Amino acid sequence: MSVIAPDERADFLAVLRRHHLAESDFVLQETGATDIVDEVYPLRGSVTVVRTSSLREREYQTGHGTAWTVEFEKDVIRGVFG
């Protein structure tokens, strides 16, 4: 199971479009972990975004209460990915 929710993936792609970045220039690497709390299994993990043309990457936390796509867009604006 993916740690990236469908709406997060859509938000990620929207960030790329807003900033005129090619989807093919980015790779998402997922790492997941499941926390068991009161018989509920919230999916938590991290996603590493890699820009292949610059080989720059940044890791973001995923799961309930996180907003990694917002943090990703801030990093795009700051030039983190080159």
Protein backbone atom coordinates (compact mmCIF):
# COMPACT_ATOMS: atom_id res chain seq x y z
CA MET A 1 0.00 0.00 0.00
CA SER A 2 1.23 3.49 -0.88
CA VAL A 3 1.95 6.04 1.83
CA ILE A 4 0.98 8.74 -0.66
CA ALA A 5 -2.77 9.32 -0.77
CA PRO A 6 -4.34 9.90 -4.20
CA ASP A 7 -5.16 13.52 -3.33
CA GLU A 8 -1.56 14.10 -2.23
CA ARG A 9 -0.30 12.76 -5.55
CA ALA A 10 -2.72 15.09 -7.36
CA ASP A 11 -1.48 18.02 -5.23
CA PHE A 12 2.13 17.10 -6.03
CA LEU A 13 1.40 17.10 -9.76
CA ALA A 14 -0.44 20.42 -9.44
CA VAL A 15 2.66 21.96 -7.80
CA LEU A 16 4.78 20.77 -10.71
CA ARG A 17 2.34 22.26 -13.23
CA ARG A 18 2.14 25.60 -11.37
CA HIS A 19 5.92 25.91 -11.47
CA HIS A 20 6.31 24.59 -15.04
CA LEU A 21 8.31 21.55 -13.93
CA ALA A 22 8.27 18.27 -15.85
CA GLU A 23 6.76 15.31 -14.00
CA SER A 24 9.32 13.07 -15.70
CA ASP A 25 12.11 15.00 -13.93
CA PHE A 26 10.90 13.92 -10.48
CA VAL A 27 10.85 10.56 -8.72
CA LEU A 28 8.93 9.78 -5.53
CA GLN A 29 10.45 7.16 -3.23
CA GLU A 30 8.14 5.95 -0.47
CA THR A 31 8.96 4.44 2.89
CA GLY A 32 6.06 3.29 5.03
CA ALA A 33 5.35 2.28 8.56
CA THR A 34 2.07 1.35 10.17
CA ASP A 35 1.35 2.44 13.74
CA ILE A 36 -1.24 0.38 15.60
CA VAL A 37 -3.35 2.45 17.98
CA ASP A 38 -6.63 1.17 19.44
CA GLU A 39 -7.19 -1.24 16.54
CA VAL A 40 -6.85 1.59 14.03
CA TYR A 41 -4.02 1.35 11.53
CA PRO A 42 -3.07 4.82 10.36
CA LEU A 43 -0.51 4.72 7.57
CA ARG A 44 2.56 6.83 8.26
CA GLY A 45 5.83 7.08 6.50
CA SER A 46 7.94 9.34 4.39
CA VAL A 47 8.34 10.29 0.79
CA THR A 48 11.62 11.36 -0.74
CA VAL A 49 11.28 13.63 -3.74
CA VAL A 50 14.24 13.40 -6.12
CA ARG A 51 14.78 15.74 -9.05
CA THR A 52 16.73 13.64 -11.50
CA SER A 53 18.22 16.53 -13.52
CA SER A 54 19.87 18.09 -10.46
CA LEU A 55 20.12 14.98 -8.23
CA ARG A 56 18.71 17.04 -5.40
CA GLU A 57 16.36 15.40 -2.98
CA ARG A 58 14.32 16.14 0.11
CA GLU A 59 12.45 13.83 2.48
CA TYR A 60 8.98 14.67 3.83
CA GLN A 61 6.84 12.97 6.47
CA THR A 62 3.51 11.56 5.31
CA GLY A 63 0.39 10.51 7.14
CA HIS A 64 -2.33 12.02 9.27
CA GLY A 65 -1.69 15.65 10.16
CA THR A 66 1.09 16.18 7.62
CA ALA A 67 1.12 18.43 4.58
CA TRP A 68 4.17 17.32 2.65
CA THR A 69 2.95 18.76 -0.66
CA VAL A 70 2.77 22.23 0.94
CA GLU A 71 6.32 21.82 2.23
CA PHE A 72 7.42 20.54 -1.19
CA GLU A 73 6.00 23.66 -2.89
CA LYS A 74 7.79 25.91 -0.40
CA ASP A 75 11.04 24.10 -1.21
CA VAL A 76 10.41 24.51 -4.96
CA ILE A 77 9.91 28.24 -4.45
CA ARG A 78 13.12 28.45 -2.37
CA GLY A 79 15.07 26.70 -5.13
CA VAL A 80 15.89 23.59 -3.11
CA PHE A 81 15.57 21.38 -6.20
CA GLY A 82 17.69 23.61 -8.44
